Amino acid sequence: MSNSDTWHLYLIRCADGSLYTGITTDICRRLREHEEGRGARRLRGRAPLAVVFNEAVGDRSHALRLEHRVKRLRRSQKELLISGALGLTDLAKER
């Protein structure tokens, strides 16, 4: 698996404190797209944006499953993920 095939799950904190969850194969490119208004509509007008969590998760299928689980977490649980108190492996074990 080359680097371009490795998917990452990331969380972005917006200026208003909200959190956005996404997946990508290139975190720098994706953040730039978000900042330039070419990414998710939900992030438009919420700059500055900061990546507060980024972890390689393997293939696209696994990334999509984890993204879905993270998006369903409460904010407090996302903050635990960001701080490292909760790991993606914990989420992967849950069904």
PDB file of N, CA and C in Angstrom:
ATOM      1  N   MET A   1       0.850  -1.182   0.000  1.00  0.00           N
ATOM      2  CA  MET A   1       0.000   0.000   0.000  1.00  0.00           C
ATOM      3  C   MET A   1       0.890   1.237   0.000  1.00  0.00           C
ATOM      4  N   SER A   2       0.772   2.084  -0.979  1.00  0.00           N
ATOM      5  CA  SER A   2       1.565   3.306  -1.037  1.00  0.00           C
ATOM      6  C   SER A   2       0.928   4.372  -0.162  1.00  0.00           C
ATOM      7  N   ASN A   3       1.673   5.448   0.112  1.00  0.00           N
ATOM      8  CA  ASN A   3       1.155   6.534   0.942  1.00  0.00           C
ATOM      9  C   ASN A   3      -0.129   7.113   0.395  1.00  0.00           C
ATOM     10  N   SER A   4      -0.243   7.207  -0.937  1.00  0.00           N
ATOM     11  CA  SER A   4      -1.440   7.796  -1.529  1.00  0.00           C
ATOM     12  C   SER A   4      -2.658   6.895  -1.349  1.00  0.00           C
ATOM     13  N   ASP A   5      -2.427   5.622  -1.012  1.00  0.00           N
ATOM     14  CA  ASP A   5      -3.528   4.696  -0.771  1.00  0.00           C
ATOM     15  C   ASP A   5      -3.946   4.664   0.692  1.00  0.00           C
ATOM     16  N   THR A   6      -3.165   5.282   1.559  1.00  0.00           N
ATOM     17  CA  THR A   6      -3.469   5.284   2.983  1.00  0.00           C
ATOM     18  C   THR A   6      -4.446   6.403   3.300  1.00  0.00           C
ATOM     19  N   TRP A   7      -5.547   6.038   3.898  1.00  0.00           N
ATOM     20  CA  TRP A   7      -6.573   7.011   4.263  1.00  0.00           C
ATOM     21  C   TRP A   7      -6.370   7.476   5.694  1.00  0.00           C
ATOM     22  N   HIS A   8      -6.718   8.731   5.930  1.00  0.00           N
ATOM     23  CA  HIS A   8      -6.598   9.351   7.249  1.00  0.00           C
ATOM     24  C   HIS A   8      -7.965   9.834   7.696  1.00  0.00           C
ATOM     25  N   LEU A   9      -8.236   9.679   8.978  1.00  0.00           N
ATOM     26  CA  LEU A   9      -9.406  10.285   9.589  1.00  0.00           C
ATOM     27  C   LEU A   9      -8.907  11.527  10.306  1.00  0.00           C
ATOM     28  N   TYR A  10      -9.602  12.646  10.145  1.00  0.00           N
ATOM     29  CA  TYR A  10      -9.155  13.882  10.768  1.00  0.00           C
ATOM     30  C   TYR A  10     -10.324  14.621  11.399  1.00  0.00           C
ATOM     31  N   LEU A  11      -9.995  15.448  12.390  1.00  0.00           N
ATOM     32  CA  LEU A  11     -10.964  16.358  12.986  1.00  0.00           C
ATOM     33  C   LEU A  11     -10.402  17.761  12.878  1.00  0.00           C
ATOM     34  N   ILE A  12     -11.254  18.682  12.482  1.00  0.00           N
ATOM     35  CA  ILE A  12     -10.897  20.094  12.366  1.00  0.00           C
ATOM     36  C   ILE A  12     -11.702  20.870  13.395  1.00  0.00           C
ATOM     37  N   ARG A  13     -11.015  21.768  14.121  1.00  0.00           N
ATOM     38  CA  ARG A  13     -11.707  22.679  15.026  1.00  0.00           C
ATOM     39  C   ARG A  13     -11.841  24.021  14.308  1.00  0.00           C
ATOM     40  N   CYS A  14     -13.058  24.523  14.257  1.00  0.00           N
ATOM     41  CA  CYS A  14     -13.340  25.800  13.603  1.00  0.00           C
ATOM     42  C   CYS A  14     -13.183  26.941  14.604  1.00  0.00           C
ATOM     43  N   ALA A  15     -13.166  28.169  14.096  1.00  0.00           N
ATOM     44  CA  ALA A  15     -13.023  29.343  14.947  1.00  0.00           C
ATOM     45  C   ALA A  15     -14.137  29.425  15.984  1.00  0.00           C
ATOM     46  N   ASP A  16     -15.327  28.945  15.643  1.00  0.00           N
ATOM     47  CA  ASP A  16     -16.453  28.988  16.586  1.00  0.00           C
ATOM     48  C   ASP A  16     -16.436  27.818  17.571  1.00  0.00           C
ATOM     49  N   GLY A  17     -15.388  26.979  17.514  1.00  0.00           N
ATOM     50  CA  GLY A  17     -15.245  25.868  18.440  1.00  0.00           C
ATOM     51  C   GLY A  17     -15.878  24.569  17.974  1.00  0.00           C
ATOM     52  N   SER A  18     -16.626  24.606  16.883  1.00  0.00           N
ATOM     53  CA  SER A  18     -17.260  23.380  16.387  1.00  0.00           C
ATOM     54  C   SER A  18     -16.201  22.439  15.817  1.00  0.00           C
ATOM     55  N   LEU A  19     -16.555  21.156  15.767  1.00  0.00           N
ATOM     56  CA  LEU A  19     -15.653  20.132  15.252  1.00  0.00           C
ATOM     57  C   LEU A  19     -16.226  19.529  13.982  1.00  0.00           C
ATOM     58  N   TYR A  20     -15.347  19.287  13.022  1.00  0.00           N
ATOM     59  CA  TYR A  20     -15.733  18.660  11.759  1.00  0.00           C
ATOM     60  C   TYR A  20     -14.894  17.401  11.592  1.00  0.00           C
ATOM     61  N   THR A  21     -15.523  16.309  11.189  1.00  0.00           N
ATOM     62  CA  THR A  21     -14.846  15.029  10.979  1.00  0.00           C
ATOM     63  C   THR A  21     -14.834  14.690   9.497  1.00  0.00           C
ATOM     64  N   GLY A  22     -13.687  14.248   8.992  1.00  0.00           N
ATOM     65  CA  GLY A  22     -13.600  13.860   7.591  1.00  0.00           C
ATOM     66  C   GLY A  22     -12.513  12.825   7.367  1.00  0.00           C
ATOM     67  N   ILE A  23     -12.427  12.357   6.117  1.00  0.00           N
ATOM     68  CA  ILE A  23     -11.380  11.413   5.725  1.00  0.00           C
ATOM     69  C   ILE A  23     -10.727  11.910   4.440  1.00  0.00           C
ATOM     70  N   THR A  24      -9.476  11.542   4.247  1.00  0.00           N
ATOM     71  CA  THR A  24      -8.733  11.952   3.060  1.00  0.00           C
ATOM     72  C   THR A  24      -7.483  11.093   2.911  1.00  0.00           C
ATOM     73  N   THR A  25      -6.881  11.152   1.734  1.00  0.00           N
ATOM     74  CA  THR A  25      -5.578  10.516   1.529  1.00  0.00           C
ATOM     75  C   THR A  25      -4.451  11.537   1.637  1.00  0.00           C
ATOM     76  N   ASP A  26      -4.790  12.828   1.688  1.00  0.00           N
ATOM     77  CA  ASP A  26      -3.789  13.898   1.757  1.00  0.00           C
ATOM     78  C   ASP A  26      -4.325  15.014   2.646  1.00  0.00           C
ATOM     79  N   ILE A  27      -3.920  15.008   3.904  1.00  0.00           N
ATOM     80  CA  ILE A  27      -4.474  15.949   4.880  1.00  0.00           C
ATOM     81  C   ILE A  27      -4.130  17.403   4.546  1.00  0.00           C
ATOM     82  N   CYS A  28      -2.926  17.668   4.055  1.00  0.00           N
ATOM     83  CA  CYS A  28      -2.539  19.049   3.719  1.00  0.00           C
ATOM     84  C   CYS A  28      -3.394  19.591   2.576  1.00  0.00           C
ATOM     85  N   ARG A  29      -3.562  18.776   1.543  1.00  0.00           N
ATOM     86  CA  ARG A  29      -4.401  19.188   0.412  1.00  0.00           C
ATOM     87  C   ARG A  29      -5.832  19.429   0.858  1.00  0.00           C
ATOM     88  N   ARG A  30      -6.356  18.532   1.679  1.00  0.00           N
ATOM     89  CA  ARG A  30      -7.754  18.639   2.100  1.00  0.00           C
ATOM     90  C   ARG A  30      -7.976  19.867   2.974  1.00  0.00           C
ATOM     91  N   LEU A  31      -7.050  20.166   3.883  1.00  0.00           N
ATOM     92  CA  LEU A  31      -7.182  21.368   4.713  1.00  0.00           C
ATOM     93  C   LEU A  31      -7.160  22.611   3.830  1.00  0.00           C
ATOM     94  N   ARG A  32      -6.268  22.631   2.852  1.00  0.00           N
ATOM     95  CA  ARG A  32      -6.193  23.768   1.927  1.00  0.00           C
ATOM     96  C   ARG A  32      -7.521  23.928   1.184  1.00  0.00           C
ATOM     97  N   GLU A  33      -8.107  22.822   0.736  1.00  0.00           N
ATOM     98  CA  GLU A  33      -9.407  22.887   0.058  1.00  0.00           C
ATOM     99  C   GLU A  33     -10.476  23.464   0.979  1.00  0.00           C
ATOM    100  N   HIS A  34     -10.484  23.027   2.220  1.00  0.00           N
ATOM    101  CA  HIS A  34     -11.457  23.556   3.182  1.00  0.00           C
ATOM    102  C   HIS A  34     -11.243  25.062   3.382  1.00  0.00           C
ATOM    103  N   GLU A  35      -9.998  25.466   3.553  1.00  0.00           N
ATOM    104  CA  GLU A  35      -9.690  26.881   3.791  1.00  0.00           C
ATOM    105  C   GLU A  35     -10.040  27.755   2.594  1.00  0.00           C
ATOM    106  N   GLU A  36      -9.943  27.202   1.396  1.00  0.00           N
ATOM    107  CA  GLU A  36     -10.244  27.960   0.177  1.00  0.00           C
ATOM    108  C   GLU A  36     -11.712  27.882  -0.210  1.00  0.00           C
ATOM    109  N   GLY A  37     -12.529  27.234   0.622  1.00  0.00           N
ATOM    110  CA  GLY A  37     -13.958  27.149   0.348  1.00  0.00           C
ATOM    111  C   GLY A  37     -14.333  26.087  -0.664  1.00  0.00           C
ATOM    112  N   ARG A  38     -13.394  25.192  -0.987  1.00  0.00           N
ATOM    113  CA  ARG A  38     -13.670  24.127  -1.954  1.00  0.00           C
ATOM    114  C   ARG A  38     -13.944  22.795  -1.268  1.00  0.00           C
ATOM    115  N   GLY A  39     -14.011  22.808   0.057  1.00  0.00           N
ATOM    116  CA  GLY A  39     -14.281  21.581   0.807  1.00  0.00           C
ATOM    117  C   GLY A  39     -15.732  21.546   1.242  1.00  0.00           C
ATOM    118  N   ALA A  40     -15.960  20.994   2.392  1.00  0.00           N
ATOM    119  CA  ALA A  40     -17.319  20.843   2.917  1.00  0.00           C
ATOM    120  C   ALA A  40     -17.983  22.202   3.138  1.00  0.00           C
ATOM    121  N   ARG A  41     -19.225  22.305   2.737  1.00  0.00           N
ATOM    122  CA  ARG A  41     -19.970  23.559   2.916  1.00  0.00           C
ATOM    123  C   ARG A  41     -20.061  23.954   4.378  1.00  0.00           C
ATOM    124  N   ARG A  42     -20.132  22.971   5.249  1.00  0.00           N
ATOM    125  CA  ARG A  42     -20.275  23.235   6.677  1.00  0.00           C
ATOM    126  C   ARG A  42     -19.113  24.046   7.240  1.00  0.00           C
ATOM    127  N   LEU A  43     -17.974  24.031   6.581  1.00  0.00           N
ATOM    128  CA  LEU A  43     -16.803  24.753   7.080  1.00  0.00           C
ATOM    129  C   LEU A  43     -16.662  26.152   6.495  1.00  0.00           C
ATOM    130  N   ARG A  44     -17.442  26.476   5.507  1.00  0.00           N
ATOM    131  CA  ARG A  44     -17.314  27.793   4.871  1.00  0.00           C
ATOM    132  C   ARG A  44     -17.704  28.895   5.848  1.00  0.00           C
ATOM    133  N   GLY A  45     -16.841  29.901   5.949  1.00  0.00           N
ATOM    134  CA  GLY A  45     -17.085  31.027   6.840  1.00  0.00           C
ATOM    135  C   GLY A  45     -16.762  30.740   8.294  1.00  0.00           C
ATOM    136  N   ARG A  46     -16.117  29.630   8.577  1.00  0.00           N
ATOM    137  CA  ARG A  46     -15.793  29.267   9.961  1.00  0.00           C
ATOM    138  C   ARG A  46     -14.286  29.291  10.223  1.00  0.00           C
ATOM    139  N   ALA A  47     -13.533  29.953   9.354  1.00  0.00           N
ATOM    140  CA  ALA A  47     -12.078  30.034   9.508  1.00  0.00           C
ATOM    141  C   ALA A  47     -11.745  30.922  10.703  1.00  0.00           C
ATOM    142  N   PRO A  48     -10.559  30.776  11.293  1.00  0.00           N
ATOM    143  CA  PRO A  48      -9.515  29.832  10.889  1.00  0.00           C
ATOM    144  C   PRO A  48      -9.846  28.403  11.318  1.00  0.00           C
ATOM    145  N   LEU A  49      -9.295  27.483  10.552  1.00  0.00           N
ATOM    146  CA  LEU A  49      -9.498  26.057  10.794  1.00  0.00           C
ATOM    147  C   LEU A  49      -8.190  25.449  11.294  1.00  0.00           C
ATOM    148  N   ALA A  50      -8.297  24.505  12.219  1.00  0.00           N
ATOM    149  CA  ALA A  50      -7.098  23.840  12.734  1.00  0.00           C
ATOM    150  C   ALA A  50      -7.345  22.341  12.808  1.00  0.00           C
ATOM    151  N   VAL A  51      -6.428  21.572  12.243  1.00  0.00           N
ATOM    152  CA  VAL A  51      -6.514  20.120  12.361  1.00  0.00           C
ATOM    153  C   VAL A  51      -6.086  19.769  13.787  1.00  0.00           C
ATOM    154  N   VAL A  52      -6.997  19.175  14.551  1.00  0.00           N
ATOM    155  CA  VAL A  52      -6.706  18.836  15.945  1.00  0.00           C
ATOM    156  C   VAL A  52      -6.540  17.331  16.149  1.00  0.00           C
ATOM    157  N   PHE A  53      -6.856  16.556  15.117  1.00  0.00           N
ATOM    158  CA  PHE A  53      -6.677  15.104  15.183  1.00  0.00           C
ATOM    159  C   PHE A  53      -6.464  14.597  13.767  1.00  0.00           C
ATOM    160  N   ASN A  54      -5.495  13.700  13.606  1.00  0.00           N
ATOM    161  CA  ASN A  54      -5.201  13.117  12.296  1.00  0.00           C
ATOM    162  C   ASN A  54      -4.557  11.761  12.537  1.00  0.00           C
ATOM    163  N   GLU A  55      -5.177  10.719  12.007  1.00  0.00           N
ATOM    164  CA  GLU A  55      -4.605   9.385  12.184  1.00  0.00           C
ATOM    165  C   GLU A  55      -4.805   8.551  10.924  1.00  0.00           C
ATOM    166  N   ALA A  56      -3.745   7.877  10.510  1.00  0.00           N
ATOM    167  CA  ALA A  56      -3.842   6.958   9.376  1.00  0.00           C
ATOM    168  C   ALA A  56      -4.699   5.773   9.799  1.00  0.00           C
ATOM    169  N   VAL A  57      -5.654   5.406   8.929  1.00  0.00           N
ATOM    170  CA  VAL A  57      -6.598   4.344   9.296  1.00  0.00           C
ATOM    171  C   VAL A  57      -6.650   3.206   8.284  1.00  0.00           C
ATOM    172  N   GLY A  58      -5.821   3.243   7.264  1.00  0.00           N
ATOM    173  CA  GLY A  58      -5.790   2.137   6.305  1.00  0.00           C
ATOM    174  C   GLY A  58      -6.531   2.440   5.024  1.00  0.00           C
ATOM    175  N   ASP A  59      -7.391   1.508   4.624  1.00  0.00           N
ATOM    176  CA  ASP A  59      -8.072   1.661   3.336  1.00  0.00           C
ATOM    177  C   ASP A  59      -9.348   2.505   3.454  1.00  0.00           C
ATOM    178  N   ARG A  60      -9.916   2.837   2.311  1.00  0.00           N
ATOM    179  CA  ARG A  60     -11.081   3.727   2.253  1.00  0.00           C
ATOM    180  C   ARG A  60     -12.282   3.137   2.982  1.00  0.00           C
ATOM    181  N   SER A  61     -12.497   1.860   2.828  1.00  0.00           N
ATOM    182  CA  SER A  61     -13.632   1.202   3.466  1.00  0.00           C
ATOM    183  C   SER A  61     -13.568   1.337   4.986  1.00  0.00           C
ATOM    184  N   HIS A  62     -12.399   1.067   5.546  1.00  0.00           N
ATOM    185  CA  HIS A  62     -12.216   1.190   6.996  1.00  0.00           C
ATOM    186  C   HIS A  62     -12.358   2.651   7.423  1.00  0.00           C
ATOM    187  N   ALA A  63     -11.800   3.558   6.635  1.00  0.00           N
ATOM    188  CA  ALA A  63     -11.894   4.988   6.942  1.00  0.00           C
ATOM    189  C   ALA A  63     -13.348   5.447   6.980  1.00  0.00           C
ATOM    190  N   LEU A  64     -14.143   5.005   6.019  1.00  0.00           N
ATOM    191  CA  LEU A  64     -15.562   5.383   5.986  1.00  0.00           C
ATOM    192  C   LEU A  64     -16.315   4.859   7.205  1.00  0.00           C
ATOM    193  N   ARG A  65     -16.017   3.629   7.610  1.00  0.00           N
ATOM    194  CA  ARG A  65     -16.680   3.064   8.796  1.00  0.00           C
ATOM    195  C   ARG A  65     -16.318   3.849  10.047  1.00  0.00           C
ATOM    196  N   LEU A  66     -15.024   4.169  10.206  1.00  0.00           N
ATOM    197  CA  LEU A  66     -14.594   4.939  11.374  1.00  0.00           C
ATOM    198  C   LEU A  66     -15.160   6.350  11.349  1.00  0.00           C
ATOM    199  N   GLU A  67     -15.178   6.970  10.173  1.00  0.00           N
ATOM    200  CA  GLU A  67     -15.736   8.320  10.057  1.00  0.00           C
ATOM    201  C   GLU A  67     -17.191   8.321  10.523  1.00  0.00           C
ATOM    202  N   HIS A  68     -17.949   7.341  10.109  1.00  0.00           N
ATOM    203  CA  HIS A  68     -19.355   7.247  10.510  1.00  0.00           C
ATOM    204  C   HIS A  68     -19.474   7.125  12.031  1.00  0.00           C
ATOM    205  N   ARG A  69     -18.633   6.295  12.627  1.00  0.00           N
ATOM    206  CA  ARG A  69     -18.675   6.125  14.085  1.00  0.00           C
ATOM    207  C   ARG A  69     -18.293   7.407  14.810  1.00  0.00           C
ATOM    208  N   VAL A  70     -17.243   8.082  14.341  1.00  0.00           N
ATOM    209  CA  VAL A  70     -16.799   9.316  14.998  1.00  0.00           C
ATOM    210  C   VAL A  70     -17.860  10.400  14.862  1.00  0.00           C
ATOM    211  N   LYS A  71     -18.482  10.510  13.702  1.00  0.00           N
ATOM    212  CA  LYS A  71     -19.519  11.524  13.510  1.00  0.00           C
ATOM    213  C   LYS A  71     -20.705  11.302  14.443  1.00  0.00           C
ATOM    214  N   ARG A  72     -20.911  10.075  14.886  1.00  0.00           N
ATOM    215  CA  ARG A  72     -22.024   9.774  15.789  1.00  0.00           C
ATOM    216  C   ARG A  72     -21.669   9.985  17.261  1.00  0.00           C
ATOM    217  N   LEU A  73     -20.398  10.243  17.563  1.00  0.00           N
ATOM    218  CA  LEU A  73     -19.979  10.466  18.945  1.00  0.00           C
ATOM    219  C   LEU A  73     -20.492  11.802  19.464  1.00  0.00           C
ATOM    220  N   ARG A  74     -20.675  11.857  20.777  1.00  0.00           N
ATOM    221  CA  ARG A  74     -20.975  13.139  21.416  1.00  0.00           C
ATOM    222  C   ARG A  74     -19.709  13.991  21.384  1.00  0.00           C
ATOM    223  N   ARG A  75     -19.889  15.294  21.514  1.00  0.00           N
ATOM    224  CA  ARG A  75     -18.747  16.210  21.499  1.00  0.00           C
ATOM    225  C   ARG A  75     -17.722  15.826  22.569  1.00  0.00           C
ATOM    226  N   SER A  76     -18.189  15.477  23.761  1.00  0.00           N
ATOM    227  CA  SER A  76     -17.276  15.116  24.850  1.00  0.00           C
ATOM    228  C   SER A  76     -16.421  13.903  24.472  1.00  0.00           C
ATOM    229  N   GLN A  77     -16.992  12.964  23.741  1.00  0.00           N
ATOM    230  CA  GLN A  77     -16.232  11.796  23.303  1.00  0.00           C
ATOM    231  C   GLN A  77     -15.217  12.171  22.226  1.00  0.00           C
ATOM    232  N   LYS A  78     -15.585  13.100  21.356  1.00  0.00           N
ATOM    233  CA  LYS A  78     -14.638  13.573  20.339  1.00  0.00           C
ATOM    234  C   LYS A  78     -13.461  14.272  21.006  1.00  0.00           C
ATOM    235  N   GLU A  79     -13.737  15.016  22.082  1.00  0.00           N
ATOM    236  CA  GLU A  79     -12.656  15.693  22.807  1.00  0.00           C
ATOM    237  C   GLU A  79     -11.722  14.662  23.444  1.00  0.00           C
ATOM    238  N   LEU A  80     -12.271  13.540  23.921  1.00  0.00           N
ATOM    239  CA  LEU A  80     -11.434  12.460  24.460  1.00  0.00           C
ATOM    240  C   LEU A  80     -10.561  11.860  23.364  1.00  0.00           C
ATOM    241  N   LEU A  81     -11.103  11.725  22.177  1.00  0.00           N
ATOM    242  CA  LEU A  81     -10.344  11.223  21.034  1.00  0.00           C
ATOM    243  C   LEU A  81      -9.192  12.180  20.718  1.00  0.00           C
ATOM    244  N   ILE A  82      -9.483  13.467  20.702  1.00  0.00           N
ATOM    245  CA  ILE A  82      -8.465  14.484  20.419  1.00  0.00           C
ATOM    246  C   ILE A  82      -7.360  14.456  21.469  1.00  0.00           C
ATOM    247  N   SER A  83      -7.745  14.310  22.743  1.00  0.00           N
ATOM    248  CA  SER A  83      -6.761  14.330  23.833  1.00  0.00           C
ATOM    249  C   SER A  83      -5.948  13.040  23.921  1.00  0.00           C
ATOM    250  N   GLY A  84      -6.420  11.993  23.255  1.00  0.00           N
ATOM    251  CA  GLY A  84      -5.723  10.715  23.301  1.00  0.00           C
ATOM    252  C   GLY A  84      -6.264   9.766  24.358  1.00  0.00           C
ATOM    253  N   ALA A  85      -7.251  10.206  25.138  1.00  0.00           N
ATOM    254  CA  ALA A  85      -7.838   9.356  26.173  1.00  0.00           C
ATOM    255  C   ALA A  85      -8.721   8.260  25.577  1.00  0.00           C
ATOM    256  N   LEU A  86      -9.175   8.452  24.357  1.00  0.00           N
ATOM    257  CA  LEU A  86      -9.963   7.465  23.621  1.00  0.00           C
ATOM    258  C   LEU A  86      -9.248   7.231  22.302  1.00  0.00           C
ATOM    259  N   GLY A  87      -9.094   5.978  21.919  1.00  0.00           N
ATOM    260  CA  GLY A  87      -8.387   5.665  20.680  1.00  0.00           C
ATOM    261  C   GLY A  87      -9.316   5.165  19.595  1.00  0.00           C
ATOM    262  N   LEU A  88      -8.894   5.307  18.363  1.00  0.00           N
ATOM    263  CA  LEU A  88      -9.684   4.789  17.247  1.00  0.00           C
ATOM    264  C   LEU A  88      -9.832   3.277  17.336  1.00  0.00           C
ATOM    265  N   THR A  89      -8.848   2.602  17.919  1.00  0.00           N
ATOM    266  CA  THR A  89      -8.968   1.152  18.066  1.00  0.00           C
ATOM    267  C   THR A  89     -10.135   0.800  18.980  1.00  0.00           C
ATOM    268  N   ASP A  90     -10.419   1.659  19.971  1.00  0.00           N
ATOM    269  CA  ASP A  90     -11.581   1.443  20.837  1.00  0.00           C
ATOM    270  C   ASP A  90     -12.864   1.512  20.022  1.00  0.00           C
ATOM    271  N   LEU A  91     -12.925   2.451  19.086  1.00  0.00           N
ATOM    272  CA  LEU A  91     -14.113   2.603  18.244  1.00  0.00           C
ATOM    273  C   LEU A  91     -14.241   1.448  17.264  1.00  0.00           C
ATOM    274  N   ALA A  92     -13.117   0.980  16.757  1.00  0.00           N
ATOM    275  CA  ALA A  92     -13.136  -0.100  15.768  1.00  0.00           C
ATOM    276  C   ALA A  92     -13.664  -1.395  16.377  1.00  0.00           C
ATOM    277  N   LYS A  93     -13.467  -1.580  17.683  1.00  0.00           N
ATOM    278  CA  LYS A  93     -13.931  -2.786  18.362  1.00  0.00           C
ATOM    279  C   LYS A  93     -15.434  -2.765  18.596  1.00  0.00           C
ATOM    280  N   GLU A  94     -16.012  -1.553  18.709  1.00  0.00           N
ATOM    281  CA  GLU A  94     -17.445  -1.425  18.966  1.00  0.00           C
ATOM    282  C   GLU A  94     -18.231  -1.809  17.728  1.00  0.00           C
ATOM    283  N   ARG A  95     -19.382  -2.385  17.921  1.00  0.00           N
ATOM    284  CA  ARG A  95     -20.240  -2.754  16.788  1.00  0.00           C
ATOM    285  C   ARG A  95     -21.601  -2.185  16.982  1.00  0.00           C
TER     286      ARG A  95
END
